[in-house]
Each structure stands twice: as structure tokens, then as C-alpha cells.
Amino acid sequence: MLPNIGKHRVTVQGIADLIFEEADGWTLVDFKTDRVADASQLIQCYREQLELYAQMLSKTNGIPICRKVIYSLFLHREIEVE
């Protein structure tokens, strides 16, 4: 959900690093370079960003995102964002 901002207009700008289609639907991947101790820190910081990207892709391009993933270059792993 987009945050409730009342009557104010807000421009959200960003670029999804990677989207691709698999048999079960579309996946959104965002690459991160943050130096973190564990995956939960990245999820906490970037969950809302990925949700906004997914909403915008769905609304503007009709691409329903079924899976959101952060790929941590520091941790060398993918992290599924629920």
C-alpha cells in the first residue's frame, strides 16, 4: 500500500534493477551493496521500496509481481521479501 499522504501529491522515483518472468509469474530483484550483519537488516530497510516498485509495475505496465528479492552483494545471497 502506498502511504497515506492526505491531499498532498508525492512523486516516487526509482529504477528496478531487474524484473523477469518465470513459469509462476514475475520476479523483481533489487541489488544492494550495504554492509550488513544479516538479511533482516536489508529487509527492514528496503521492504517498502520493493513494495512500491511492485505496485508501480503492476499499475503502469500491468506486470503482476509474484516475488520480490533483494540480492546482497555483501552477503553474496538472495533474500526473499514477503
Protein backbone atom coordinates (compact mmCIF):
# COMPACT_ATOMS: atom_id res chain seq x y z
CA MET A 1 0.00 0.00 0.00
CA LEU A 2 1.16 3.49 -0.71
CA PRO A 3 1.48 5.57 2.44
CA ASN A 4 -1.48 7.79 3.33
CA ILE A 5 -0.40 11.32 2.47
CA GLY A 6 -3.76 13.05 2.55
CA LYS A 7 -4.27 15.69 -0.13
CA HIS A 8 -0.59 16.09 -0.95
CA ARG A 9 0.92 14.75 -4.15
CA VAL A 10 4.13 12.79 -3.89
CA THR A 11 6.47 11.77 -6.70
CA VAL A 12 8.22 8.47 -6.18
CA GLN A 13 11.25 7.93 -8.38
CA GLY A 14 13.34 4.81 -8.74
CA ILE A 15 14.55 2.14 -11.10
CA ALA A 16 14.02 -1.57 -10.62
CA ASP A 17 17.34 -3.32 -11.17
CA LEU A 18 15.88 -6.48 -12.70
CA ILE A 19 12.48 -7.97 -13.48
CA PHE A 20 12.00 -11.28 -15.22
CA GLU A 21 9.23 -13.76 -15.93
CA GLU A 22 9.29 -17.36 -14.74
CA ALA A 23 6.69 -20.09 -15.07
CA ASP A 24 4.93 -19.00 -11.86
CA GLY A 25 4.99 -15.22 -12.55
CA TRP A 26 7.19 -12.13 -12.48
CA THR A 27 10.14 -11.61 -10.12
CA LEU A 28 11.51 -8.21 -9.06
CA VAL A 29 15.17 -8.10 -7.97
CA ASP A 30 16.95 -5.15 -6.38
CA PHE A 31 20.72 -5.35 -5.89
CA LYS A 32 22.13 -3.87 -2.67
CA THR A 33 25.71 -3.18 -1.61
CA ASP A 34 25.04 -2.30 2.06
CA ARG A 35 27.47 -3.82 4.56
CA VAL A 36 25.09 -5.55 6.96
CA ALA A 37 25.35 -8.27 9.59
CA ASP A 38 22.32 -10.21 8.36
CA ALA A 39 19.48 -10.30 5.86
CA SER A 40 16.87 -8.94 8.27
CA GLN A 41 18.55 -5.52 8.21
CA LEU A 42 18.15 -5.30 4.44
CA ILE A 43 14.54 -6.44 4.59
CA GLN A 44 13.76 -3.83 7.23
CA CYS A 45 15.40 -1.05 5.18
CA TYR A 46 14.11 -1.94 1.72
CA ARG A 47 10.78 -3.81 2.05
CA GLU A 48 8.74 -0.67 1.39
CA GLN A 49 10.87 0.28 -1.63
CA LEU A 50 10.32 -3.11 -3.26
CA GLU A 51 6.61 -2.98 -2.48
CA LEU A 52 6.34 0.43 -4.16
CA TYR A 53 8.23 -0.84 -7.22
CA ALA A 54 5.89 -3.84 -7.42
CA GLN A 55 2.80 -1.64 -7.16
CA MET A 56 4.04 0.75 -9.83
CA LEU A 57 4.96 -2.04 -12.25
CA SER A 58 1.52 -3.53 -11.79
CA LYS A 59 -0.34 -0.23 -12.19
CA THR A 60 1.65 1.28 -15.05
CA ASN A 61 2.70 -1.78 -17.08
CA GLY A 62 0.25 -4.48 -15.98
CA ILE A 63 3.12 -6.63 -14.69
CA PRO A 64 1.97 -8.52 -11.59
CA ILE A 65 4.96 -9.18 -9.34
CA CYS A 66 4.67 -12.50 -7.50
CA ARG A 67 8.15 -12.50 -5.93
CA LYS A 68 10.34 -9.69 -4.54
CA VAL A 69 14.03 -10.34 -3.95
CA ILE A 70 16.95 -8.35 -2.59
CA TYR A 71 20.31 -9.59 -3.82
CA SER A 72 23.00 -8.63 -1.30
CA LEU A 73 26.39 -8.24 -2.93
CA PHE A 74 27.96 -8.06 0.55
CA LEU A 75 26.30 -11.25 1.85
CA HIS A 76 26.54 -12.96 -1.58
CA ARG A 77 22.96 -14.20 -1.46
CA GLU A 78 19.40 -13.56 -2.45
CA ILE A 79 16.86 -12.60 0.18
CA GLU A 80 13.16 -13.14 -0.42
CA VAL A 81 10.99 -10.23 0.75
CA GLU A 82 7.50 -11.26 1.82
